[in-house]
Amino acid sequence: MSVTEDNIVDPQPELHRALGPWQLIAIGIGIIIGAGIFVSTGKTAAEYAGPAVMISYLIAGFGCALAGLCYAEFSAMIPVAGSAYSYTFATLGRFAAWVVGWDLVLEYLAAASAVAVGWAGYFNGLMADIGIHVPANLSSPPFRWEGGLHLVATGALINLPSTCLVVFLTSLLVIGIRASATFNGIMVLLKLLVVLLVIGFGLQYVTADNLTPFIPPSTGPDHFGWGGIIRASGVVFFAYIGFDSVSAAAAEAKNPQRNVPLGILGSLGLCTILYVLMCIVMTGVTKYTNLGVAKPVTVAVQAMGPQMTWLVPLVDFGATLGLATVVLGLLLGQSRIFYAMSRDGMLPTLFARVHPKFRTPYISTILIGAVAAVLAALMPEDLLIELVAIGTLAAFVLVCLSVIILRKTHPHVPRPFKTPLVPLIPLGGMAVCLFMIYGLPGDTKVRWIVWFLLGLGAYFLYARKHARTPDYALKR
């Protein structure tokens, strides 16, 4: 059956199309360059992969690139808000779309809160650098996750810095996408400057001794050797999830058929190069065993020698900016997915309301920001981050599968951007993502099953009764 462009239209023209290709690339970089460089690289090198952590980044980046090509085809063909949720609805129907949307709610909400908690640690360190000390009972979560089983009180009252960050960024998103993108663009440029300074100065201090052995011998399951490299790829995968937010903003992009694919693939490519270079510097200037700390980039800079101590405050500053832009992008993506699900009747229509002046989905943005602020105020980072990866990987698998199905069922749909080598590229993306799911801890899979069962209940109690086929869905 032939399908015309009339089948693929944006049903929400009231959102303001203000984002060009560089702004979309900046949104992707703003999320991707964050916790990965400033936290995850050190942890995974020290605990799992050693200097070979750069291979882990290449594996995760390769999987995301394959999925990113599939995202690019959909974002050009169906330029609406909602990202993987909307693409799945257009091709596989409402139930599969609900599963993906429910996964993405978990991904973005938990990730935004977790990164805000991580940001608070760097912010407190930056304040200490200038002589301001935030009281401990007001700057750390009142609970910690102990033994992977239960929450334990820490004696703190609230993580106030992380809460304030989420509230500020939520307000920025309500005011308008252009203001948010401008703020994000400035912060990304400053953050990239710090990262490039570390790489540029650090490469001259890299020694072969620190990089030997490149693949440390295995000391147990998932600890060093190739098993550790594979395990680390699942951990550093968190670093790449930001490109999904680029497609989530498709309804606010100028010329989305061209600019969104550029934003997705451009941000993935640039960030993979920066991650590999940072891995070389961090594991090359000091032994990987020294990097299992809260601020590993600072440790690496200090290892370069006393002549480089001037760079330490800049690293703290860059990390503070970097993590803030990650939270901004995650809140943006989550609010747009909520907006899209509400637009299609999956959630109450209240969340699809657009502000008459700012032209943003202000109710969904405020709700997401409020929940994220509460989680950031009370919950520990490790509990939150454990809730993110598996849902994201599952969404990637379904997007890759949808490309294959759509090529068979609707071969004549106009595709301004086409994923090359179908079905090899989508099958490769599915395989790499499933491989990383397999490598995740068992308790993470159990929590995802619980979340999935809760989502089934919500689907049959509300979404199934109220969902309607959107205008952008392809006719069957």
Protein backbone atom coordinates (compact mmCIF):
# COMPACT_ATOMS: atom_id res chain seq x y z
CA MET A 1 0.00 0.00 0.00
CA SER A 2 1.35 3.41 -0.93
CA VAL A 3 1.61 5.98 1.82
CA THR A 4 1.88 9.70 1.10
CA GLU A 5 3.33 12.54 3.10
CA ASP A 6 -0.18 13.36 4.27
CA ASN A 7 0.07 10.34 6.56
CA ILE A 8 3.04 11.83 8.37
CA VAL A 9 2.24 15.29 9.64
CA ASP A 10 2.99 17.10 12.86
CA PRO A 11 -0.27 17.34 14.81
CA GLN A 12 1.09 19.99 17.20
CA PRO A 13 2.25 23.02 15.18
CA GLU A 14 1.81 25.26 18.21
CA LEU A 15 5.18 24.21 19.60
CA HIS A 16 7.81 26.77 18.63
CA ARG A 17 10.24 25.57 15.96
CA ALA A 18 13.40 27.40 17.01
CA LEU A 19 16.21 24.81 16.94
CA GLY A 20 18.81 24.65 14.19
CA PRO A 21 21.38 21.87 13.61
CA TRP A 22 24.05 23.34 15.86
CA GLN A 23 21.58 23.86 18.67
CA LEU A 24 20.45 20.24 18.35
CA ILE A 25 24.05 19.01 18.32
CA ALA A 26 24.66 21.16 21.41
CA ILE A 27 21.67 19.55 23.16
CA GLY A 28 23.12 16.11 22.39
CA ILE A 29 26.64 17.05 23.47
CA GLY A 30 25.25 18.81 26.53
CA ILE A 31 23.81 15.51 27.78
CA ILE A 32 26.40 13.05 26.48
CA ILE A 33 29.46 14.95 27.75
CA GLY A 34 28.73 14.85 31.45
CA ALA A 35 28.77 12.03 33.95
CA GLY A 36 30.61 9.81 31.44
CA ILE A 37 33.75 11.94 31.29
CA PHE A 38 33.66 13.34 34.80
CA VAL A 39 32.65 10.21 36.75
CA SER A 40 32.14 6.96 34.81
CA THR A 41 35.52 6.83 33.05
CA GLY A 42 37.44 6.65 36.32
CA LYS A 43 35.09 4.14 37.95
CA THR A 44 35.02 1.74 35.02
CA ALA A 45 38.77 1.92 34.49
CA ALA A 46 39.51 1.24 38.17
CA GLU A 47 36.93 -1.51 38.69
CA TYR A 48 36.34 -3.24 35.35
CA ALA A 49 38.51 -2.52 32.33
CA GLY A 50 41.75 -0.69 33.16
CA PRO A 51 43.22 1.33 30.24
CA ALA A 52 41.04 -0.76 27.89
CA VAL A 53 38.04 1.26 29.06
CA MET A 54 38.41 3.08 25.75
CA ILE A 55 37.36 -0.18 24.05
CA SER A 56 34.26 -0.21 26.29
CA TYR A 57 33.40 3.29 25.09
CA LEU A 58 33.85 2.22 21.48
CA ILE A 59 31.53 -0.80 21.99
CA ALA A 60 28.84 1.34 23.63
CA GLY A 61 29.32 4.11 21.07
CA PHE A 62 29.07 1.61 18.21
CA GLY A 63 25.78 0.26 19.55
CA CYS A 64 24.42 3.78 19.98
CA ALA A 65 25.58 4.76 16.49
CA LEU A 66 23.67 1.83 14.96
CA ALA A 67 20.57 2.76 16.95
CA GLY A 68 21.20 6.43 16.16
CA LEU A 69 21.00 5.73 12.41
CA CYS A 70 17.57 4.17 13.01
CA TYR A 71 16.52 7.15 15.13
CA ALA A 72 17.69 9.48 12.37
CA GLU A 73 15.44 7.79 9.80
CA PHE A 74 12.42 8.06 12.05
CA SER A 75 13.10 11.60 13.21
CA ALA A 76 13.29 12.80 9.60
CA MET A 77 10.21 10.82 8.56
CA ILE A 78 8.07 11.53 11.64
CA PRO A 79 9.25 14.93 13.00
CA VAL A 80 7.09 15.06 16.12
CA ALA A 81 7.78 15.25 19.84
CA GLY A 82 8.11 11.97 21.69
CA SER A 83 11.23 10.29 20.31
CA ALA A 84 11.18 6.47 20.40
CA TYR A 85 7.67 6.48 21.86
CA SER A 86 6.22 8.29 18.83
CA TYR A 87 8.20 6.19 16.35
CA THR A 88 6.96 2.97 17.92
CA PHE A 89 3.35 4.20 17.97
CA ALA A 90 3.59 5.08 14.29
CA THR A 91 4.80 1.62 13.31
CA LEU A 92 3.98 -1.02 15.95
CA GLY A 93 0.84 0.40 17.58
CA ARG A 94 -0.28 1.56 21.00
CA PHE A 95 0.81 -1.30 23.26
CA ALA A 96 4.41 -1.34 22.03
CA ALA A 97 4.40 2.47 22.21
CA TRP A 98 3.22 2.35 25.81
CA VAL A 99 6.03 -0.06 26.74
CA VAL A 100 8.63 2.24 25.17
CA GLY A 101 7.09 5.38 26.65
CA TRP A 102 6.96 3.80 30.10
CA ASP A 103 10.63 2.82 29.78
CA LEU A 104 11.57 6.33 28.71
CA VAL A 105 9.72 7.84 31.68
CA LEU A 106 11.95 5.74 33.94
CA GLU A 107 15.07 6.56 31.95
CA TYR A 108 14.76 10.33 31.87
CA LEU A 109 13.27 10.89 35.31
CA ALA A 110 15.75 8.70 37.19
CA ALA A 111 18.69 9.91 35.10
CA ALA A 112 17.89 13.61 35.59
CA SER A 113 17.63 13.15 39.35
CA ALA A 114 20.77 11.01 39.53
CA VAL A 115 22.86 13.48 37.54
CA ALA A 116 21.56 16.33 39.69
CA VAL A 117 22.82 14.48 42.77
CA GLY A 118 26.21 13.99 41.08
CA TRP A 119 26.25 17.66 40.13
CA ALA A 120 25.76 18.62 43.78
CA GLY A 121 29.02 16.88 44.69
CA TYR A 122 31.01 18.89 42.15
CA PHE A 123 29.16 22.07 43.07
CA ASN A 124 30.06 21.61 46.73
CA GLY A 125 33.68 21.07 45.72
CA LEU A 126 33.66 24.19 43.56
CA MET A 127 32.24 26.22 46.44
CA ALA A 128 34.96 24.85 48.72
CA ASP A 129 37.58 25.98 46.17
CA ILE A 130 36.46 29.58 46.68
CA GLY A 131 36.11 29.25 50.46
CA ILE A 132 32.37 28.63 50.77
CA HIS A 133 31.41 25.44 52.61
CA VAL A 134 27.86 24.14 52.22
CA PRO A 135 26.72 22.36 55.44
CA ALA A 136 26.81 18.58 55.00
CA ASN A 137 23.27 18.09 56.29
CA LEU A 138 21.99 20.41 53.53
CA SER A 139 24.14 19.10 50.68
CA SER A 140 23.74 15.32 50.66
CA PRO A 141 20.83 12.85 50.36
CA PRO A 142 19.09 11.84 53.62
CA PHE A 143 19.21 8.20 52.46
CA ARG A 144 21.81 5.85 51.08
CA TRP A 145 21.33 2.57 49.23
CA GLU A 146 22.99 -0.18 51.27
CA GLY A 147 23.80 -3.62 49.98
CA GLY A 148 21.43 -3.28 47.06
CA LEU A 149 18.56 -4.13 49.38
CA HIS A 150 17.31 -1.20 51.46
CA LEU A 151 17.55 2.49 52.22
CA VAL A 152 19.40 3.66 55.32
CA ALA A 153 19.13 7.13 56.86
CA THR A 154 22.31 9.21 56.64
CA GLY A 155 21.36 11.95 59.10
CA ALA A 156 21.26 14.64 56.41
CA LEU A 157 18.13 16.72 55.90
CA ILE A 158 18.06 17.42 52.17
CA ASN A 159 20.30 17.68 49.14
CA LEU A 160 19.54 21.35 48.66
CA PRO A 161 21.96 22.16 45.80
CA SER A 162 20.56 19.41 43.55
CA THR A 163 16.99 20.47 44.34
CA CYS A 164 17.72 24.10 43.49
CA LEU A 165 19.36 23.08 40.22
CA VAL A 166 16.30 21.09 39.08
CA VAL A 167 13.93 23.92 40.04
CA PHE A 168 16.02 26.50 38.16
CA LEU A 169 16.32 24.39 35.00
CA THR A 170 12.61 23.53 35.08
CA SER A 171 11.79 27.25 35.19
CA LEU A 172 14.10 27.81 32.23
CA LEU A 173 12.32 25.10 30.22
CA VAL A 174 8.90 26.60 31.01
CA ILE A 175 10.03 30.06 29.82
CA GLY A 176 10.89 28.76 26.38
CA ILE A 177 12.89 26.37 24.24
CA ARG A 178 14.92 29.20 22.67
CA ALA A 179 16.07 30.51 26.07
CA SER A 180 16.84 26.95 27.18
CA ALA A 181 18.82 26.23 24.01
CA THR A 182 20.79 29.48 24.31
CA PHE A 183 21.69 28.74 27.93
CA ASN A 184 22.59 25.16 27.00
CA GLY A 185 24.75 26.30 24.08
CA ILE A 186 26.80 28.66 26.24
CA MET A 187 27.28 26.03 28.94
CA VAL A 188 28.29 23.39 26.39
CA LEU A 189 30.94 25.66 24.87
CA LEU A 190 32.46 26.37 28.29
CA LYS A 191 32.35 22.68 29.23
CA LEU A 192 34.00 21.62 25.97
CA LEU A 193 36.73 24.20 26.51
CA VAL A 194 37.61 22.59 29.85
CA VAL A 195 37.54 19.07 28.35
CA LEU A 196 39.78 20.15 25.47
CA LEU A 197 42.20 21.79 27.91
CA VAL A 198 42.52 18.54 29.88
CA ILE A 199 43.04 16.54 26.69
CA GLY A 200 45.42 19.05 25.10
CA PHE A 201 47.70 19.41 28.12
CA GLY A 202 47.27 15.83 29.30
CA LEU A 203 48.42 14.06 26.13
CA GLN A 204 51.98 15.27 26.67
CA TYR A 205 52.08 13.58 30.11
CA VAL A 206 50.86 10.15 28.92
CA THR A 207 53.38 7.35 29.52
CA ALA A 208 53.46 3.78 28.23
CA ASP A 209 54.03 2.43 31.76
CA ASN A 210 50.62 3.66 32.92
CA LEU A 211 48.94 2.05 29.90
CA THR A 212 50.58 -1.34 30.56
CA PRO A 213 48.99 -3.85 30.72
CA PHE A 214 46.42 -2.37 28.38
CA ILE A 215 43.98 -5.19 29.22
CA PRO A 216 44.66 -6.20 32.85
CA PRO A 217 44.38 -9.94 33.54
CA SER A 218 41.01 -11.09 34.84
CA THR A 219 40.58 -11.20 38.62
CA GLY A 220 37.08 -12.65 38.57
CA PRO A 221 33.80 -12.48 36.66
CA ASP A 222 33.40 -9.06 35.04
CA HIS A 223 36.59 -7.72 36.62
CA PHE A 224 39.26 -6.97 34.02
CA GLY A 225 40.10 -9.10 31.04
CA TRP A 226 37.56 -9.14 28.20
CA GLY A 227 34.76 -9.88 30.64
CA GLY A 228 35.53 -6.61 32.41
CA ILE A 229 35.61 -4.70 29.13
CA ILE A 230 32.16 -6.02 28.24
CA ARG A 231 30.80 -5.25 31.72
CA ALA A 232 32.24 -1.74 31.51
CA SER A 233 30.51 -1.15 28.17
CA GLY A 234 27.17 -1.56 29.95
CA VAL A 235 28.23 0.99 32.57
CA VAL A 236 29.57 3.62 30.18
CA PHE A 237 26.49 3.18 28.01
CA PHE A 238 24.87 5.70 30.39
CA ALA A 239 27.18 8.28 28.88
CA TYR A 240 25.56 8.05 25.45
CA ILE A 241 21.84 8.15 26.16
CA GLY A 242 21.67 11.89 25.49
CA PHE A 243 21.21 11.60 21.72
CA ASP A 244 17.66 10.40 22.38
CA SER A 245 16.80 13.89 23.64
CA VAL A 246 17.70 15.33 20.24
CA SER A 247 14.94 13.33 18.61
CA ALA A 248 12.58 14.16 21.49
CA ALA A 249 12.86 17.84 20.44
CA ALA A 250 12.00 17.16 16.78
CA ALA A 251 8.72 19.08 16.98
CA GLU A 252 10.70 22.21 17.94
CA ALA A 253 13.37 21.88 15.26
CA LYS A 254 13.59 24.01 12.15
CA ASN A 255 13.72 21.77 9.08
CA PRO A 256 13.61 18.61 11.25
CA GLN A 257 14.06 16.25 8.28
CA ARG A 258 17.59 17.58 7.88
CA ASN A 259 18.55 19.01 11.25
CA VAL A 260 17.52 16.20 13.61
CA PRO A 261 19.62 13.50 11.87
CA LEU A 262 22.54 15.95 11.88
CA GLY A 263 21.99 16.58 15.59
CA ILE A 264 21.86 12.88 16.46
CA LEU A 265 24.81 11.66 14.39
CA GLY A 266 26.90 14.80 14.92
CA SER A 267 26.65 14.70 18.70
CA LEU A 268 27.36 10.93 18.81
CA GLY A 269 30.43 11.21 16.57
CA LEU A 270 32.00 14.18 18.32
CA CYS A 271 31.39 12.76 21.79
CA THR A 272 32.86 9.34 20.97
CA ILE A 273 36.09 11.00 19.83
CA LEU A 274 36.26 13.08 23.01
CA TYR A 275 35.56 10.07 25.24
CA VAL A 276 38.34 7.99 23.68
CA LEU A 277 40.83 10.87 23.95
CA MET A 278 39.87 11.43 27.60
CA CYS A 279 40.33 7.73 28.33
CA ILE A 280 43.84 7.87 26.86
CA VAL A 281 44.71 10.90 29.00
CA MET A 282 43.21 9.70 32.28
CA THR A 283 44.68 6.19 32.18
CA GLY A 284 47.91 7.43 30.61
CA VAL A 285 48.90 10.07 33.18
CA THR A 286 48.25 7.86 36.23
CA LYS A 287 47.62 4.20 36.99
CA TYR A 288 44.01 3.17 36.44
CA THR A 289 43.87 1.88 40.03
CA ASN A 290 44.01 5.50 41.24
CA LEU A 291 40.86 6.56 39.38
CA GLY A 292 38.12 4.90 41.46
CA VAL A 293 37.20 8.14 43.24
CA ALA A 294 34.38 10.68 43.13
CA LYS A 295 36.38 13.17 41.01
CA PRO A 296 38.73 11.09 38.80
CA VAL A 297 39.50 13.88 36.32
CA THR A 298 40.86 15.97 39.18
CA VAL A 299 43.09 13.05 40.22
CA ALA A 300 44.38 12.75 36.65
CA VAL A 301 45.16 16.47 36.43
CA GLN A 302 46.99 16.40 39.77
CA ALA A 303 49.06 13.47 38.51
CA MET A 304 50.37 15.64 35.68
CA GLY A 305 52.49 17.53 38.21
CA PRO A 306 52.40 20.70 40.33
CA GLN A 307 52.72 22.86 37.24
CA MET A 308 49.19 21.83 36.27
CA THR A 309 47.40 22.60 39.56
CA TRP A 310 45.90 25.73 37.97
CA LEU A 311 43.70 23.39 35.93
CA VAL A 312 42.05 21.72 38.96
CA PRO A 313 39.52 24.53 39.72
CA LEU A 314 38.70 24.71 36.01
CA VAL A 315 37.96 20.97 35.99
CA ASP A 316 35.57 21.38 38.93
CA PHE A 317 33.99 24.31 37.11
CA GLY A 318 33.69 22.33 33.87
CA ALA A 319 32.18 19.34 35.66
CA THR A 320 29.64 21.59 37.35
CA LEU A 321 28.63 23.07 34.00
CA GLY A 322 28.75 19.70 32.30
CA LEU A 323 26.42 17.94 34.67
CA ALA A 324 24.02 20.91 34.72
CA THR A 325 23.57 20.73 30.94
CA VAL A 326 22.94 16.98 31.24
CA VAL A 327 20.08 17.63 33.68
CA LEU A 328 18.68 20.33 31.38
CA GLY A 329 18.59 17.98 28.39
CA LEU A 330 17.08 15.12 30.36
CA LEU A 331 14.31 17.31 31.75
CA LEU A 332 13.64 18.58 28.22
CA GLY A 333 13.38 15.06 26.82
CA GLN A 334 11.17 13.76 29.61
CA SER A 335 8.70 16.65 29.45
CA ARG A 336 8.36 16.23 25.65
CA ILE A 337 7.70 12.51 25.98
CA PHE A 338 5.03 13.21 28.60
CA TYR A 339 3.57 15.79 26.23
CA ALA A 340 3.51 13.30 23.36
CA MET A 341 1.91 10.53 25.41
CA SER A 342 -0.75 12.93 26.65
CA ARG A 343 -1.36 14.20 23.11
CA ASP A 344 -2.15 10.60 22.10
CA GLY A 345 -4.45 9.90 25.07
CA MET A 346 -1.98 7.62 26.85
CA LEU A 347 -1.90 10.09 29.74
CA PRO A 348 -4.48 12.71 30.82
CA THR A 349 -4.81 15.50 28.26
CA LEU A 350 -3.83 18.03 30.91
CA PHE A 351 -0.18 17.29 30.18
CA ALA A 352 -0.51 18.24 26.50
CA ARG A 353 -1.47 21.84 27.24
CA VAL A 354 0.88 24.41 25.70
CA HIS A 355 1.50 27.76 27.41
CA PRO A 356 -0.17 30.55 25.38
CA LYS A 357 2.83 32.88 25.72
CA PHE A 358 5.90 30.65 26.00
CA ARG A 359 4.55 27.90 23.70
CA THR A 360 5.99 25.12 25.82
CA PRO A 361 4.24 22.12 27.44
CA TYR A 362 4.37 23.85 30.80
CA ILE A 363 2.21 21.52 32.90
CA SER A 364 4.16 18.38 31.96
CA THR A 365 7.43 20.31 32.41
CA ILE A 366 6.43 21.51 35.90
CA LEU A 367 5.25 18.04 36.96
CA ILE A 368 8.43 16.33 35.75
CA GLY A 369 10.57 19.01 37.38
CA ALA A 370 8.72 18.67 40.69
CA VAL A 371 9.12 14.88 40.82
CA ALA A 372 12.77 15.08 39.75
CA ALA A 373 13.44 17.73 42.42
CA VAL A 374 11.95 15.51 45.16
CA LEU A 375 13.99 12.50 44.02
CA ALA A 376 17.17 14.60 43.80
CA ALA A 377 16.50 16.01 47.27
CA LEU A 378 16.05 12.65 48.97
CA MET A 379 17.48 9.73 47.00
CA PRO A 380 21.10 8.55 46.58
CA GLU A 381 22.73 8.67 43.15
CA ASP A 382 23.54 4.95 42.90
CA LEU A 383 19.93 3.87 43.45
CA LEU A 384 18.67 6.28 40.80
CA ILE A 385 21.28 5.44 38.18
CA GLU A 386 20.55 1.72 38.48
CA LEU A 387 17.03 2.39 37.20
CA VAL A 388 18.13 3.90 33.89
CA ALA A 389 20.04 1.67 31.45
CA ILE A 390 17.90 -1.38 30.84
CA GLY A 391 14.80 0.61 29.89
CA THR A 392 16.81 2.73 27.47
CA LEU A 393 18.36 -0.31 25.82
CA ALA A 394 14.94 -1.94 25.48
CA ALA A 395 13.65 1.20 23.74
CA PHE A 396 16.62 1.15 21.35
CA VAL A 397 15.88 -2.47 20.45
CA LEU A 398 12.27 -1.65 19.55
CA VAL A 399 13.28 1.36 17.43
CA CYS A 400 15.74 -0.77 15.45
CA LEU A 401 13.07 -3.45 15.01
CA SER A 402 10.56 -0.83 13.84
CA VAL A 403 12.85 0.26 10.99
CA ILE A 404 12.98 -3.31 9.66
CA ILE A 405 9.21 -3.76 9.96
CA LEU A 406 8.43 -0.42 8.34
CA ARG A 407 10.65 -1.12 5.33
CA LYS A 408 8.49 -4.21 4.68
CA THR A 409 5.04 -2.82 5.49
CA HIS A 410 5.41 0.73 4.11
CA PRO A 411 8.23 0.72 1.56
CA HIS A 412 6.94 3.82 -0.24
CA VAL A 413 6.84 6.24 2.70
CA PRO A 414 9.01 9.31 1.93
CA ARG A 415 12.27 9.01 3.85
CA PRO A 416 14.35 12.22 3.82
CA PHE A 417 17.05 10.24 5.64
CA LYS A 418 17.42 6.48 5.14
CA THR A 419 19.24 4.11 7.48
CA PRO A 420 21.88 2.41 5.29
CA LEU A 421 22.29 -1.34 4.90
CA VAL A 422 18.87 -2.36 6.22
CA PRO A 423 18.40 -4.89 7.81
CA LEU A 424 22.09 -5.25 8.76
CA ILE A 425 22.37 -1.93 10.63
CA PRO A 426 19.13 -2.35 12.67
CA LEU A 427 19.96 -6.01 13.44
CA GLY A 428 23.43 -4.96 14.54
CA GLY A 429 21.95 -2.28 16.80
CA MET A 430 19.55 -4.81 18.33
CA ALA A 431 22.35 -7.32 18.87
CA VAL A 432 24.69 -4.86 20.60
CA CYS A 433 21.89 -3.49 22.82
CA LEU A 434 20.71 -6.99 23.80
CA PHE A 435 24.34 -7.91 24.49
CA MET A 436 24.64 -4.96 26.89
CA ILE A 437 21.32 -5.88 28.56
CA TYR A 438 22.70 -9.38 29.11
CA GLY A 439 25.74 -7.91 30.85
CA LEU A 440 23.72 -5.84 33.33
CA PRO A 441 23.39 -7.06 36.96
CA GLY A 442 20.49 -9.35 37.84
CA ASP A 443 18.97 -6.97 40.41
CA THR A 444 18.73 -4.28 37.72
CA LYS A 445 16.70 -6.66 35.58
CA VAL A 446 14.41 -7.48 38.51
CA ARG A 447 13.69 -3.77 39.13
CA TRP A 448 12.91 -3.29 35.46
CA ILE A 449 10.45 -6.20 35.55
CA VAL A 450 8.71 -4.60 38.55
CA TRP A 451 8.52 -1.26 36.69
CA PHE A 452 7.22 -3.06 33.60
CA LEU A 453 4.45 -4.76 35.62
CA LEU A 454 3.43 -1.41 37.10
CA GLY A 455 3.27 -0.05 33.57
CA LEU A 456 1.03 -2.91 32.47
CA GLY A 457 -1.40 -2.00 35.23
CA ALA A 458 -1.42 1.66 34.17
CA TYR A 459 -1.92 0.66 30.54
CA PHE A 460 -4.98 -1.52 31.13
CA LEU A 461 -6.51 0.82 33.72
CA TYR A 462 -6.15 4.04 31.72
CA ALA A 463 -4.11 4.15 28.52
CA ARG A 464 -5.86 1.33 26.68
CA LYS A 465 -9.26 2.96 27.21
CA HIS A 466 -8.26 6.50 26.29
CA ALA A 467 -5.50 6.12 23.68
CA ARG A 468 -6.27 7.29 20.16
CA THR A 469 -4.38 6.76 16.96
CA PRO A 470 -2.34 9.92 16.31
CA ASP A 471 -2.30 11.78 13.00
CA TYR A 472 1.32 10.84 12.39
CA ALA A 473 0.67 7.08 12.69
CA LEU A 474 1.09 5.20 9.44
CA LYS A 475 -2.01 3.64 7.92
CA ARG A 476 -2.04 -0.14 8.01
